[in-house]
Amino acid sequence: YKPSPVQLIKHLGFVFCWIGIWNLATPYLKNTTAGKLFIFCS
């Protein structure tokens, strides 16, 4: 909860990767149970 600037940028990098991967995976997963759960949460 109290990251250094370097740790904050590393975390942001992870978030960017995660968003990009989910955007690519969404068309394949949106009709699955897990996909519907993620869409609901979103």
PDB file of all heavy atoms in Angstrom:
ATOM      1  N   TYR A   1       0.799  -1.218   0.000  1.00  0.00           N
ATOM      2  CA  TYR A   1       0.000   0.000   0.000  1.00  0.00           C
ATOM      3  C   TYR A   1       0.836   1.274   0.000  1.00  0.00           C
ATOM      4  O   TYR A   1       0.303   2.357  -0.152  1.00  0.00           O
ATOM      5  CB  TYR A   1      -0.994   0.017   1.164  1.00  0.00           C
ATOM      6  CG  TYR A   1      -2.074  -1.009   0.948  1.00  0.00           C
ATOM      7  CD1 TYR A   1      -2.090  -2.195   1.661  1.00  0.00           C
ATOM      8  CD2 TYR A   1      -3.059  -0.812  -0.007  1.00  0.00           C
ATOM      9  CE1 TYR A   1      -3.079  -3.146   1.434  1.00  0.00           C
ATOM     10  CE2 TYR A   1      -4.045  -1.746  -0.245  1.00  0.00           C
ATOM     11  CZ  TYR A   1      -4.046  -2.911   0.483  1.00  0.00           C
ATOM     12  OH  TYR A   1      -5.004  -3.843   0.248  1.00  0.00           O
ATOM     13  N   LYS A   2       2.124   1.156   0.186  1.00  0.00           N
ATOM     14  CA  LYS A   2       3.009   2.314   0.153  1.00  0.00           C
ATOM     15  C   LYS A   2       4.179   2.029  -0.779  1.00  0.00           C
ATOM     16  O   LYS A   2       5.316   1.913  -0.346  1.00  0.00           O
ATOM     17  CB  LYS A   2       3.509   2.630   1.554  1.00  0.00           C
ATOM     18  CG  LYS A   2       2.406   3.016   2.499  1.00  0.00           C
ATOM     19  CD  LYS A   2       2.953   3.301   3.862  1.00  0.00           C
ATOM     20  CE  LYS A   2       1.798   3.573   4.810  1.00  0.00           C
ATOM     21  NZ  LYS A   2       2.264   3.855   6.142  1.00  0.00           N
ATOM     22  N   PRO A   3       3.896   1.923  -2.081  1.00  0.00           N
ATOM     23  CA  PRO A   3       4.957   1.543  -3.022  1.00  0.00           C
ATOM     24  C   PRO A   3       5.916   2.691  -3.318  1.00  0.00           C
ATOM     25  O   PRO A   3       5.551   3.870  -3.241  1.00  0.00           O
ATOM     26  CB  PRO A   3       4.172   1.176  -4.280  1.00  0.00           C
ATOM     27  CG  PRO A   3       2.960   2.040  -4.221  1.00  0.00           C
ATOM     28  CD  PRO A   3       2.610   2.116  -2.749  1.00  0.00           C
ATOM     29  N   SER A   4       7.120   2.300  -3.705  1.00  0.00           N
ATOM     30  CA  SER A   4       8.070   3.286  -4.212  1.00  0.00           C
ATOM     31  C   SER A   4       7.652   3.640  -5.638  1.00  0.00           C
ATOM     32  O   SER A   4       6.832   2.937  -6.240  1.00  0.00           O
ATOM     33  CB  SER A   4       9.475   2.687  -4.218  1.00  0.00           C
ATOM     34  OG  SER A   4       9.555   1.667  -5.214  1.00  0.00           O
ATOM     35  N   PRO A   5       8.194   4.701  -6.216  1.00  0.00           N
ATOM     36  CA  PRO A   5       7.852   5.033  -7.605  1.00  0.00           C
ATOM     37  C   PRO A   5       8.145   3.884  -8.581  1.00  0.00           C
ATOM     38  O   PRO A   5       7.351   3.619  -9.486  1.00  0.00           O
ATOM     39  CB  PRO A   5       8.711   6.258  -7.910  1.00  0.00           C
ATOM     40  CG  PRO A   5       8.909   6.910  -6.574  1.00  0.00           C
ATOM     41  CD  PRO A   5       9.004   5.756  -5.602  1.00  0.00           C
ATOM     42  N   VAL A   6       9.253   3.203  -8.384  1.00  0.00           N
ATOM     43  CA  VAL A   6       9.602   2.080  -9.266  1.00  0.00           C
ATOM     44  C   VAL A   6       8.575   0.955  -9.129  1.00  0.00           C
ATOM     45  O   VAL A   6       8.116   0.386 -10.124  1.00  0.00           O
ATOM     46  CB  VAL A   6      11.038   1.571  -8.977  1.00  0.00           C
ATOM     47  CG1 VAL A   6      11.331   0.279  -9.718  1.00  0.00           C
ATOM     48  CG2 VAL A   6      12.054   2.637  -9.340  1.00  0.00           C
ATOM     49  N   GLN A   7       8.182   0.641  -7.901  1.00  0.00           N
ATOM     50  CA  GLN A   7       7.181  -0.413  -7.690  1.00  0.00           C
ATOM     51  C   GLN A   7       5.827  -0.005  -8.260  1.00  0.00           C
ATOM     52  O   GLN A   7       5.104  -0.832  -8.803  1.00  0.00           O
ATOM     53  CB  GLN A   7       7.058  -0.723  -6.201  1.00  0.00           C
ATOM     54  CG  GLN A   7       8.275  -1.421  -5.648  1.00  0.00           C
ATOM     55  CD  GLN A   7       8.275  -1.455  -4.132  1.00  0.00           C
ATOM     56  OE1 GLN A   7       7.806  -0.519  -3.482  1.00  0.00           O
ATOM     57  NE2 GLN A   7       8.801  -2.524  -3.568  1.00  0.00           N
ATOM     58  N   LEU A   8       5.487   1.269  -8.179  1.00  0.00           N
ATOM     59  CA  LEU A   8       4.232   1.759  -8.734  1.00  0.00           C
ATOM     60  C   LEU A   8       4.221   1.622 -10.261  1.00  0.00           C
ATOM     61  O   LEU A   8       3.229   1.169 -10.840  1.00  0.00           O
ATOM     62  CB  LEU A   8       4.030   3.214  -8.318  1.00  0.00           C
ATOM     63  CG  LEU A   8       2.630   3.781  -8.420  1.00  0.00           C
ATOM     64  CD1 LEU A   8       1.680   3.025  -7.500  1.00  0.00           C
ATOM     65  CD2 LEU A   8       2.644   5.251  -8.074  1.00  0.00           C
ATOM     66  N   ILE A   9       5.321   1.954 -10.901  1.00  0.00           N
ATOM     67  CA  ILE A   9       5.411   1.819 -12.359  1.00  0.00           C
ATOM     68  C   ILE A   9       5.365   0.348 -12.759  1.00  0.00           C
ATOM     69  O   ILE A   9       4.735  -0.016 -13.758  1.00  0.00           O
ATOM     70  CB  ILE A   9       6.678   2.526 -12.891  1.00  0.00           C
ATOM     71  CG1 ILE A   9       6.539   4.040 -12.680  1.00  0.00           C
ATOM     72  CG2 ILE A   9       6.926   2.203 -14.355  1.00  0.00           C
ATOM     73  CD1 ILE A   9       7.817   4.814 -12.892  1.00  0.00           C
ATOM     74  N   LYS A  10       6.008  -0.510 -11.972  1.00  0.00           N
ATOM     75  CA  LYS A  10       5.949  -1.953 -12.257  1.00  0.00           C
ATOM     76  C   LYS A  10       4.506  -2.453 -12.166  1.00  0.00           C
ATOM     77  O   LYS A  10       4.036  -3.213 -13.005  1.00  0.00           O
ATOM     78  CB  LYS A  10       6.830  -2.728 -11.266  1.00  0.00           C
ATOM     79  CG  LYS A  10       6.925  -4.207 -11.588  1.00  0.00           C
ATOM     80  CD  LYS A  10       7.623  -5.044 -10.521  1.00  0.00           C
ATOM     81  CE  LYS A  10       8.852  -4.431  -9.967  1.00  0.00           C
ATOM     82  NZ  LYS A  10       9.491  -5.251  -8.927  1.00  0.00           N
ATOM     83  N   HIS A  11       3.784  -2.009 -11.163  1.00  0.00           N
ATOM     84  CA  HIS A  11       2.381  -2.399 -10.992  1.00  0.00           C
ATOM     85  C   HIS A  11       1.536  -1.874 -12.154  1.00  0.00           C
ATOM     86  O   HIS A  11       0.667  -2.578 -12.669  1.00  0.00           O
ATOM     87  CB  HIS A  11       1.871  -1.872  -9.648  1.00  0.00           C
ATOM     88  CG  HIS A  11       0.553  -2.436  -9.243  1.00  0.00           C
ATOM     89  ND1 HIS A  11      -0.096  -2.040  -8.115  1.00  0.00           N
ATOM     90  CD2 HIS A  11      -0.270  -3.349  -9.812  1.00  0.00           C
ATOM     91  CE1 HIS A  11      -1.253  -2.678  -8.015  1.00  0.00           C
ATOM     92  NE2 HIS A  11      -1.375  -3.469  -9.042  1.00  0.00           N
ATOM     93  N   LEU A  12       1.780  -0.629 -12.574  1.00  0.00           N
ATOM     94  CA  LEU A  12       1.073  -0.079 -13.728  1.00  0.00           C
ATOM     95  C   LEU A  12       1.351  -0.908 -14.979  1.00  0.00           C
ATOM     96  O   LEU A  12       0.451  -1.135 -15.793  1.00  0.00           O
ATOM     97  CB  LEU A  12       1.486   1.374 -13.968  1.00  0.00           C
ATOM     98  CG  LEU A  12       0.753   2.424 -13.174  1.00  0.00           C
ATOM     99  CD1 LEU A  12       1.460   3.771 -13.288  1.00  0.00           C
ATOM    100  CD2 LEU A  12      -0.677   2.543 -13.612  1.00  0.00           C
ATOM    101  N   GLY A  13       2.589  -1.350 -15.141  1.00  0.00           N
ATOM    102  CA  GLY A  13       2.937  -2.206 -16.277  1.00  0.00           C
ATOM    103  C   GLY A  13       2.138  -3.494 -16.265  1.00  0.00           C
ATOM    104  O   GLY A  13       1.623  -3.943 -17.305  1.00  0.00           O
ATOM    105  N   PHE A  14       2.006  -4.084 -15.085  1.00  0.00           N
ATOM    106  CA  PHE A  14       1.203  -5.304 -14.957  1.00  0.00           C
ATOM    107  C   PHE A  14      -0.249  -5.027 -15.334  1.00  0.00           C
ATOM    108  O   PHE A  14      -0.881  -5.815 -16.041  1.00  0.00           O
ATOM    109  CB  PHE A  14       1.293  -5.862 -13.528  1.00  0.00           C
ATOM    110  CG  PHE A  14       0.415  -7.054 -13.318  1.00  0.00           C
ATOM    111  CD1 PHE A  14       0.824  -8.308 -13.720  1.00  0.00           C
ATOM    112  CD2 PHE A  14      -0.844  -6.923 -12.723  1.00  0.00           C
ATOM    113  CE1 PHE A  14       0.004  -9.418 -13.538  1.00  0.00           C
ATOM    114  CE2 PHE A  14      -1.666  -8.016 -12.550  1.00  0.00           C
ATOM    115  CZ  PHE A  14      -1.235  -9.271 -12.952  1.00  0.00           C
ATOM    116  N   VAL A  15      -0.786  -3.892 -14.871  1.00  0.00           N
ATOM    117  CA  VAL A  15      -2.176  -3.538 -15.178  1.00  0.00           C
ATOM    118  C   VAL A  15      -2.362  -3.369 -16.680  1.00  0.00           C
ATOM    119  O   VAL A  15      -3.339  -3.869 -17.254  1.00  0.00           O
ATOM    120  CB  VAL A  15      -2.603  -2.268 -14.401  1.00  0.00           C
ATOM    121  CG1 VAL A  15      -3.930  -1.741 -14.896  1.00  0.00           C
ATOM    122  CG2 VAL A  15      -2.661  -2.552 -12.905  1.00  0.00           C
ATOM    123  N   PHE A  16      -1.432  -2.680 -17.339  1.00  0.00           N
ATOM    124  CA  PHE A  16      -1.535  -2.525 -18.788  1.00  0.00           C
ATOM    125  C   PHE A  16      -1.514  -3.881 -19.500  1.00  0.00           C
ATOM    126  O   PHE A  16      -2.300  -4.113 -20.423  1.00  0.00           O
ATOM    127  CB  PHE A  16      -0.421  -1.631 -19.334  1.00  0.00           C
ATOM    128  CG  PHE A  16      -0.750  -0.175 -19.303  1.00  0.00           C
ATOM    129  CD1 PHE A  16      -0.049   0.693 -18.472  1.00  0.00           C
ATOM    130  CD2 PHE A  16      -1.753   0.347 -20.098  1.00  0.00           C
ATOM    131  CE1 PHE A  16      -0.343   2.042 -18.443  1.00  0.00           C
ATOM    132  CE2 PHE A  16      -2.058   1.698 -20.080  1.00  0.00           C
ATOM    133  CZ  PHE A  16      -1.357   2.541 -19.246  1.00  0.00           C
ATOM    134  N   CYS A  17      -0.612  -4.768 -19.092  1.00  0.00           N
ATOM    135  CA  CYS A  17      -0.570  -6.116 -19.696  1.00  0.00           C
ATOM    136  C   CYS A  17      -1.897  -6.838 -19.477  1.00  0.00           C
ATOM    137  O   CYS A  17      -2.447  -7.445 -20.405  1.00  0.00           O
ATOM    138  CB  CYS A  17       0.562  -6.945 -19.092  1.00  0.00           C
ATOM    139  SG  CYS A  17       2.182  -6.531 -19.703  1.00  0.00           S
ATOM    140  N   TRP A  18      -2.390  -6.798 -18.267  1.00  0.00           N
ATOM    141  CA  TRP A  18      -3.627  -7.490 -17.906  1.00  0.00           C
ATOM    142  C   TRP A  18      -4.804  -6.989 -18.741  1.00  0.00           C
ATOM    143  O   TRP A  18      -5.582  -7.769 -19.271  1.00  0.00           O
ATOM    144  CB  TRP A  18      -3.884  -7.282 -16.412  1.00  0.00           C
ATOM    145  CG  TRP A  18      -5.039  -8.039 -15.856  1.00  0.00           C
ATOM    146  CD1 TRP A  18      -6.233  -7.520 -15.474  1.00  0.00           C
ATOM    147  CD2 TRP A  18      -5.121  -9.437 -15.581  1.00  0.00           C
ATOM    148  NE1 TRP A  18      -7.052  -8.512 -14.979  1.00  0.00           N
ATOM    149  CE2 TRP A  18      -6.384  -9.697 -15.036  1.00  0.00           C
ATOM    150  CE3 TRP A  18      -4.237 -10.492 -15.738  1.00  0.00           C
ATOM    151  CZ2 TRP A  18      -6.794 -10.966 -14.664  1.00  0.00           C
ATOM    152  CZ3 TRP A  18      -4.650 -11.757 -15.355  1.00  0.00           C
ATOM    153  CH2 TRP A  18      -5.907 -11.979 -14.827  1.00  0.00           C
ATOM    154  N   ILE A  19      -4.927  -5.675 -18.872  1.00  0.00           N
ATOM    155  CA  ILE A  19      -6.019  -5.100 -19.664  1.00  0.00           C
ATOM    156  C   ILE A  19      -5.891  -5.518 -21.126  1.00  0.00           C
ATOM    157  O   ILE A  19      -6.881  -5.889 -21.763  1.00  0.00           O
ATOM    158  CB  ILE A  19      -6.041  -3.562 -19.516  1.00  0.00           C
ATOM    159  CG1 ILE A  19      -6.483  -3.175 -18.110  1.00  0.00           C
ATOM    160  CG2 ILE A  19      -6.958  -2.926 -20.562  1.00  0.00           C
ATOM    161  CD1 ILE A  19      -6.309  -1.699 -17.784  1.00  0.00           C
ATOM    162  N   GLY A  20      -4.687  -5.462 -21.665  1.00  0.00           N
ATOM    163  CA  GLY A  20      -4.482  -5.859 -23.058  1.00  0.00           C
ATOM    164  C   GLY A  20      -4.798  -7.316 -23.303  1.00  0.00           C
ATOM    165  O   GLY A  20      -5.449  -7.672 -24.298  1.00  0.00           O
ATOM    166  N   ILE A  21      -4.359  -8.181 -22.393  1.00  0.00           N
ATOM    167  CA  ILE A  21      -4.614  -9.628 -22.536  1.00  0.00           C
ATOM    168  C   ILE A  21      -6.113  -9.905 -22.457  1.00  0.00           C
ATOM    169  O   ILE A  21      -6.660 -10.656 -23.267  1.00  0.00           O
ATOM    170  CB  ILE A  21      -3.833 -10.422 -21.469  1.00  0.00           C
ATOM    171  CG1 ILE A  21      -2.336 -10.377 -21.799  1.00  0.00           C
ATOM    172  CG2 ILE A  21      -4.337 -11.859 -21.378  1.00  0.00           C
ATOM    173  CD1 ILE A  21      -1.437 -10.858 -20.678  1.00  0.00           C
ATOM    174  N   TRP A  22      -6.802  -9.288 -21.491  1.00  0.00           N
ATOM    175  CA  TRP A  22      -8.242  -9.520 -21.372  1.00  0.00           C
ATOM    176  C   TRP A  22      -9.014  -8.981 -22.565  1.00  0.00           C
ATOM    177  O   TRP A  22     -10.013  -9.560 -22.985  1.00  0.00           O
ATOM    178  CB  TRP A  22      -8.800  -8.964 -20.063  1.00  0.00           C
ATOM    179  CG  TRP A  22      -8.670  -9.970 -18.984  1.00  0.00           C
ATOM    180  CD1 TRP A  22      -7.798  -9.940 -17.944  1.00  0.00           C
ATOM    181  CD2 TRP A  22      -9.380 -11.200 -18.882  1.00  0.00           C
ATOM    182  NE1 TRP A  22      -7.931 -11.074 -17.201  1.00  0.00           N
ATOM    183  CE2 TRP A  22      -8.904 -11.880 -17.746  1.00  0.00           C
ATOM    184  CE3 TRP A  22     -10.376 -11.809 -19.635  1.00  0.00           C
ATOM    185  CZ2 TRP A  22      -9.377 -13.104 -17.343  1.00  0.00           C
ATOM    186  CZ3 TRP A  22     -10.861 -13.043 -19.227  1.00  0.00           C
ATOM    187  CH2 TRP A  22     -10.357 -13.669 -18.109  1.00  0.00           C
ATOM    188  N   ASN A  23      -8.541  -7.880 -23.129  1.00  0.00           N
ATOM    189  CA  ASN A  23      -9.206  -7.362 -24.323  1.00  0.00           C
ATOM    190  C   ASN A  23      -9.078  -8.349 -25.490  1.00  0.00           C
ATOM    191  O   ASN A  23     -10.028  -8.554 -26.241  1.00  0.00           O
ATOM    192  CB  ASN A  23      -8.634  -6.003 -24.716  1.00  0.00           C
ATOM    193  CG  ASN A  23      -9.402  -5.383 -25.851  1.00  0.00           C
ATOM    194  OD1 ASN A  23     -10.579  -5.084 -25.706  1.00  0.00           O
ATOM    195  ND2 ASN A  23      -8.763  -5.200 -26.982  1.00  0.00           N
ATOM    196  N   LEU A  24      -7.917  -8.972 -25.618  1.00  0.00           N
ATOM    197  CA  LEU A  24      -7.735  -9.970 -26.676  1.00  0.00           C
ATOM    198  C   LEU A  24      -8.535 -11.245 -26.392  1.00  0.00           C
ATOM    199  O   LEU A  24      -9.032 -11.891 -27.318  1.00  0.00           O
ATOM    200  CB  LEU A  24      -6.253 -10.324 -26.841  1.00  0.00           C
ATOM    201  CG  LEU A  24      -5.355  -9.223 -27.410  1.00  0.00           C
ATOM    202  CD1 LEU A  24      -3.903  -9.689 -27.413  1.00  0.00           C
ATOM    203  CD2 LEU A  24      -5.797  -8.829 -28.808  1.00  0.00           C
ATOM    204  N   ALA A  25      -8.651 -11.609 -25.123  1.00  0.00           N
ATOM    205  CA  ALA A  25      -9.321 -12.863 -24.755  1.00  0.00           C
ATOM    206  C   ALA A  25     -10.836 -12.750 -24.699  1.00  0.00           C
ATOM    207  O   ALA A  25     -11.535 -13.768 -24.837  1.00  0.00           O
ATOM    208  CB  ALA A  25      -8.793 -13.336 -23.390  1.00  0.00           C
ATOM    209  N   THR A  26     -11.360 -11.545 -24.535  1.00  0.00           N
ATOM    210  CA  THR A  26     -12.802 -11.361 -24.356  1.00  0.00           C
ATOM    211  C   THR A  26     -13.662 -12.012 -25.436  1.00  0.00           C
ATOM    212  O   THR A  26     -14.645 -12.681 -25.107  1.00  0.00           O
ATOM    213  CB  THR A  26     -13.140  -9.865 -24.214  1.00  0.00           C
ATOM    214  OG1 THR A  26     -12.492  -9.383 -23.048  1.00  0.00           O
ATOM    215  CG2 THR A  26     -14.626  -9.632 -24.090  1.00  0.00           C
ATOM    216  N   PRO A  27     -13.342 -11.856 -26.725  1.00  0.00           N
ATOM    217  CA  PRO A  27     -14.209 -12.485 -27.731  1.00  0.00           C
ATOM    218  C   PRO A  27     -14.320 -14.003 -27.584  1.00  0.00           C
ATOM    219  O   PRO A  27     -15.343 -14.588 -27.927  1.00  0.00           O
ATOM    220  CB  PRO A  27     -13.545 -12.126 -29.067  1.00  0.00           C
ATOM    221  CG  PRO A  27     -12.704 -10.935 -28.776  1.00  0.00           C
ATOM    222  CD  PRO A  27     -12.286 -11.053 -27.339  1.00  0.00           C
ATOM    223  N   TYR A  28     -13.279 -14.626 -27.043  1.00  0.00           N
ATOM    224  CA  TYR A  28     -13.272 -16.077 -26.887  1.00  0.00           C
ATOM    225  C   TYR A  28     -13.916 -16.530 -25.584  1.00  0.00           C
ATOM    226  O   TYR A  28     -14.353 -17.665 -25.470  1.00  0.00           O
ATOM    227  CB  TYR A  28     -11.836 -16.614 -26.959  1.00  0.00           C
ATOM    228  CG  TYR A  28     -11.137 -16.180 -28.216  1.00  0.00           C
ATOM    229  CD1 TYR A  28     -10.190 -15.160 -28.186  1.00  0.00           C
ATOM    230  CD2 TYR A  28     -11.430 -16.777 -29.440  1.00  0.00           C
ATOM    231  CE1 TYR A  28      -9.552 -14.756 -29.346  1.00  0.00           C
ATOM    232  CE2 TYR A  28     -10.799 -16.368 -30.602  1.00  0.00           C
ATOM    233  CZ  TYR A  28      -9.865 -15.360 -30.550  1.00  0.00           C
ATOM    234  OH  TYR A  28      -9.251 -14.958 -31.701  1.00  0.00           O
ATOM    235  N   LEU A  29     -13.953 -15.646 -24.599  1.00  0.00           N
ATOM    236  CA  LEU A  29     -14.421 -16.030 -23.261  1.00  0.00           C
ATOM    237  C   LEU A  29     -15.776 -15.450 -22.866  1.00  0.00           C
ATOM    238  O   LEU A  29     -16.354 -15.870 -21.877  1.00  0.00           O
ATOM    239  CB  LEU A  29     -13.393 -15.587 -22.212  1.00  0.00           C
ATOM    240  CG  LEU A  29     -12.011 -16.194 -22.331  1.00  0.00           C
ATOM    241  CD1 LEU A  29     -11.075 -15.556 -21.321  1.00  0.00           C
ATOM    242  CD2 LEU A  29     -12.063 -17.691 -22.145  1.00  0.00           C
ATOM    243  N   LYS A  30     -16.301 -14.488 -23.649  1.00  0.00           N
ATOM    244  CA  LYS A  30     -17.485 -13.763 -23.180  1.00  0.00           C
ATOM    245  C   LYS A  30     -18.717 -14.638 -22.988  1.00  0.00           C
ATOM    246  O   LYS A  30     -19.579 -14.293 -22.192  1.00  0.00           O
ATOM    247  CB  LYS A  30     -17.801 -12.587 -24.096  1.00  0.00           C
ATOM    248  CG  LYS A  30     -18.243 -12.934 -25.471  1.00  0.00           C
ATOM    249  CD  LYS A  30     -18.501 -11.660 -26.262  1.00  0.00           C
ATOM    250  CE  LYS A  30     -18.887 -11.987 -27.691  1.00  0.00           C
ATOM    251  NZ  LYS A  30     -19.036 -10.782 -28.475  1.00  0.00           N
ATOM    252  N   ASN A  31     -18.818 -15.766 -23.641  1.00  0.00           N
ATOM    253  CA  ASN A  31     -19.984 -16.644 -23.471  1.00  0.00           C
ATOM    254  C   ASN A  31     -19.732 -17.791 -22.501  1.00  0.00           C
ATOM    255  O   ASN A  31     -20.574 -18.658 -22.343  1.00  0.00           O
ATOM    256  CB  ASN A  31     -20.442 -17.182 -24.832  1.00  0.00           C
ATOM    257  CG  ASN A  31     -21.003 -16.073 -25.707  1.00  0.00           C
ATOM    258  OD1 ASN A  31     -21.650 -15.160 -25.204  1.00  0.00           O
ATOM    259  ND2 ASN A  31     -20.737 -16.130 -26.982  1.00  0.00           N
ATOM    260  N   THR A  32     -18.579 -17.785 -21.843  1.00  0.00           N
ATOM    261  CA  THR A  32     -18.286 -18.804 -20.839  1.00  0.00           C
ATOM    262  C   THR A  32     -18.735 -18.294 -19.466  1.00  0.00           C
ATOM    263  O   THR A  32     -18.991 -17.095 -19.290  1.00  0.00           O
ATOM    264  CB  THR A  32     -16.776 -19.125 -20.787  1.00  0.00           C
ATOM    265  OG1 THR A  32     -16.078 -17.968 -20.312  1.00  0.00           O
ATOM    266  CG2 THR A  32     -16.245 -19.537 -22.153  1.00  0.00           C
ATOM    267  N   THR A  33     -18.795 -19.178 -18.498  1.00  0.00           N
ATOM    268  CA  THR A  33     -19.181 -18.777 -17.138  1.00  0.00           C
ATOM    269  C   THR A  33     -18.198 -17.761 -16.570  1.00  0.00           C
ATOM    270  O   THR A  33     -18.599 -16.741 -16.001  1.00  0.00           O
ATOM    271  CB  THR A  33     -19.257 -20.009 -16.218  1.00  0.00           C
ATOM    272  OG1 THR A  33     -20.189 -20.930 -16.784  1.00  0.00           O
ATOM    273  CG2 THR A  33     -19.681 -19.636 -14.823  1.00  0.00           C
ATOM    274  N   ALA A  34     -16.903 -18.029 -16.746  1.00  0.00           N
ATOM    275  CA  ALA A  34     -15.893 -17.095 -16.237  1.00  0.00           C
ATOM    276  C   ALA A  34     -15.998 -15.754 -16.944  1.00  0.00           C
ATOM    277  O   ALA A  34     -15.902 -14.692 -16.310  1.00  0.00           O
ATOM    278  CB  ALA A  34     -14.494 -17.679 -16.422  1.00  0.00           C
ATOM    279  N   GLY A  35     -16.212 -15.780 -18.243  1.00  0.00           N
ATOM    280  CA  GLY A  35     -16.351 -14.538 -18.994  1.00  0.00           C
ATOM    281  C   GLY A  35     -17.547 -13.732 -18.546  1.00  0.00           C
ATOM    282  O   GLY A  35     -17.472 -12.509 -18.403  1.00  0.00           O
ATOM    283  N   LYS A  36     -18.671 -14.410 -18.311  1.00  0.00           N
ATOM    284  CA  LYS A  36     -19.872 -13.712 -17.842  1.00  0.00           C
ATOM    285  C   LYS A  36     -19.647 -13.108 -16.456  1.00  0.00           C
ATOM    286  O   LYS A  36     -20.137 -12.011 -16.164  1.00  0.00           O
ATOM    287  CB  LYS A  36     -21.065 -14.661 -17.837  1.00  0.00           C
ATOM    288  CG  LYS A  36     -21.537 -15.014 -19.241  1.00  0.00           C
ATOM    289  CD  LYS A  36     -22.648 -16.027 -19.211  1.00  0.00           C
ATOM    290  CE  LYS A  36     -23.024 -16.428 -20.636  1.00  0.00           C
ATOM    291  NZ  LYS A  36     -24.015 -17.488 -20.677  1.00  0.00           N
ATOM    292  N   LEU A  37     -18.907 -13.818 -15.605  1.00  0.00           N
ATOM    293  CA  LEU A  37     -18.592 -13.293 -14.276  1.00  0.00           C
ATOM    294  C   LEU A  37     -17.730 -12.034 -14.392  1.00  0.00           C
ATOM    295  O   LEU A  37     -17.990 -11.024 -13.721  1.00  0.00           O
ATOM    296  CB  LEU A  37     -17.895 -14.343 -13.420  1.00  0.00           C
ATOM    297  CG  LEU A  37     -17.439 -13.886 -12.036  1.00  0.00           C
ATOM    298  CD1 LEU A  37     -18.638 -13.492 -11.179  1.00  0.00           C
ATOM    299  CD2 LEU A  37     -16.630 -14.973 -11.363  1.00  0.00           C
ATOM    300  N   PHE A  38     -16.707 -12.075 -15.235  1.00  0.00           N
ATOM    301  CA  PHE A  38     -15.849 -10.906 -15.411  1.00  0.00           C
ATOM    302  C   PHE A  38     -16.617  -9.730 -15.996  1.00  0.00           C
ATOM    303  O   PHE A  38     -16.415  -8.588 -15.598  1.00  0.00           O
ATOM    304  CB  PHE A  38     -14.624 -11.230 -16.274  1.00  0.00           C
ATOM    305  CG  PHE A  38     -13.534 -11.920 -15.523  1.00  0.00           C
ATOM    306  CD1 PHE A  38     -13.215 -13.232 -15.795  1.00  0.00           C
ATOM    307  CD2 PHE A  38     -12.827 -11.259 -14.534  1.00  0.00           C
ATOM    308  CE1 PHE A  38     -12.208 -13.875 -15.102  1.00  0.00           C
ATOM    309  CE2 PHE A  38     -11.823 -11.883 -13.830  1.00  0.00           C
ATOM    310  CZ  PHE A  38     -11.510 -13.206 -14.113  1.00  0.00           C
ATOM    311  N   ILE A  39     -17.508  -9.987 -16.935  1.00  0.00           N
ATOM    312  CA  ILE A  39     -18.319  -8.920 -17.518  1.00  0.00           C
ATOM    313  C   ILE A  39     -19.240  -8.322 -16.449  1.00  0.00           C
ATOM    314  O   ILE A  39     -19.380  -7.103 -16.341  1.00  0.00           O
ATOM    315  CB  ILE A  39     -19.103  -9.441 -18.741  1.00  0.00           C
ATOM    316  CG1 ILE A  39     -18.137  -9.713 -19.894  1.00  0.00           C
ATOM    317  CG2 ILE A  39     -20.182  -8.448 -19.155  1.00  0.00           C
ATOM    318  CD1 ILE A  39     -18.737 -10.489 -21.050  1.00  0.00           C
ATOM    319  N   PHE A  40     -19.861  -9.182 -15.637  1.00  0.00           N
ATOM    320  CA  PHE A  40     -20.711  -8.705 -14.539  1.00  0.00           C
ATOM    321  C   PHE A  40     -19.902  -7.823 -13.592  1.00  0.00           C
ATOM    322  O   PHE A  40     -20.344  -6.734 -13.216  1.00  0.00           O
ATOM    323  CB  PHE A  40     -21.309  -9.902 -13.782  1.00  0.00           C
ATOM    324  CG  PHE A  40     -22.061  -9.501 -12.547  1.00  0.00           C
ATOM    325  CD1 PHE A  40     -23.370  -9.060 -12.627  1.00  0.00           C
ATOM    326  CD2 PHE A  40     -21.451  -9.557 -11.305  1.00  0.00           C
ATOM    327  CE1 PHE A  40     -24.066  -8.671 -11.488  1.00  0.00           C
ATOM    328  CE2 PHE A  40     -22.125  -9.179 -10.159  1.00  0.00           C
ATOM    329  CZ  PHE A  40     -23.439  -8.736 -10.256  1.00  0.00           C
ATOM    330  N   CYS A  41     -18.720  -8.301 -13.210  1.00  0.00           N
ATOM    331  CA  CYS A  41     -17.880  -7.529 -12.285  1.00  0.00           C
ATOM    332  C   CYS A  41     -17.468  -6.198 -12.909  1.00  0.00           C
ATOM    333  O   CYS A  41     -17.442  -5.171 -12.235  1.00  0.00           O
ATOM    334  CB  CYS A  41     -16.644  -8.336 -11.896  1.00  0.00           C
ATOM    335  SG  CYS A  41     -17.000  -9.739 -10.844  1.00  0.00           S
ATOM    336  N   SER A  42     -17.149  -6.223 -14.192  1.00  0.00           N
ATOM    337  CA  SER A  42     -16.745  -5.007 -14.873  1.00  0.00           C
ATOM    338  C   SER A  42     -17.866  -3.979 -14.906  1.00  0.00           C
ATOM    339  O   SER A  42     -17.654  -2.793 -14.670  1.00  0.00           O
ATOM    340  CB  SER A  42     -16.312  -5.346 -16.298  1.00  0.00           C
ATOM    341  OG  SER A  42     -15.953  -4.187 -16.995  1.00  0.00           O
TER     342      SER A  42
END
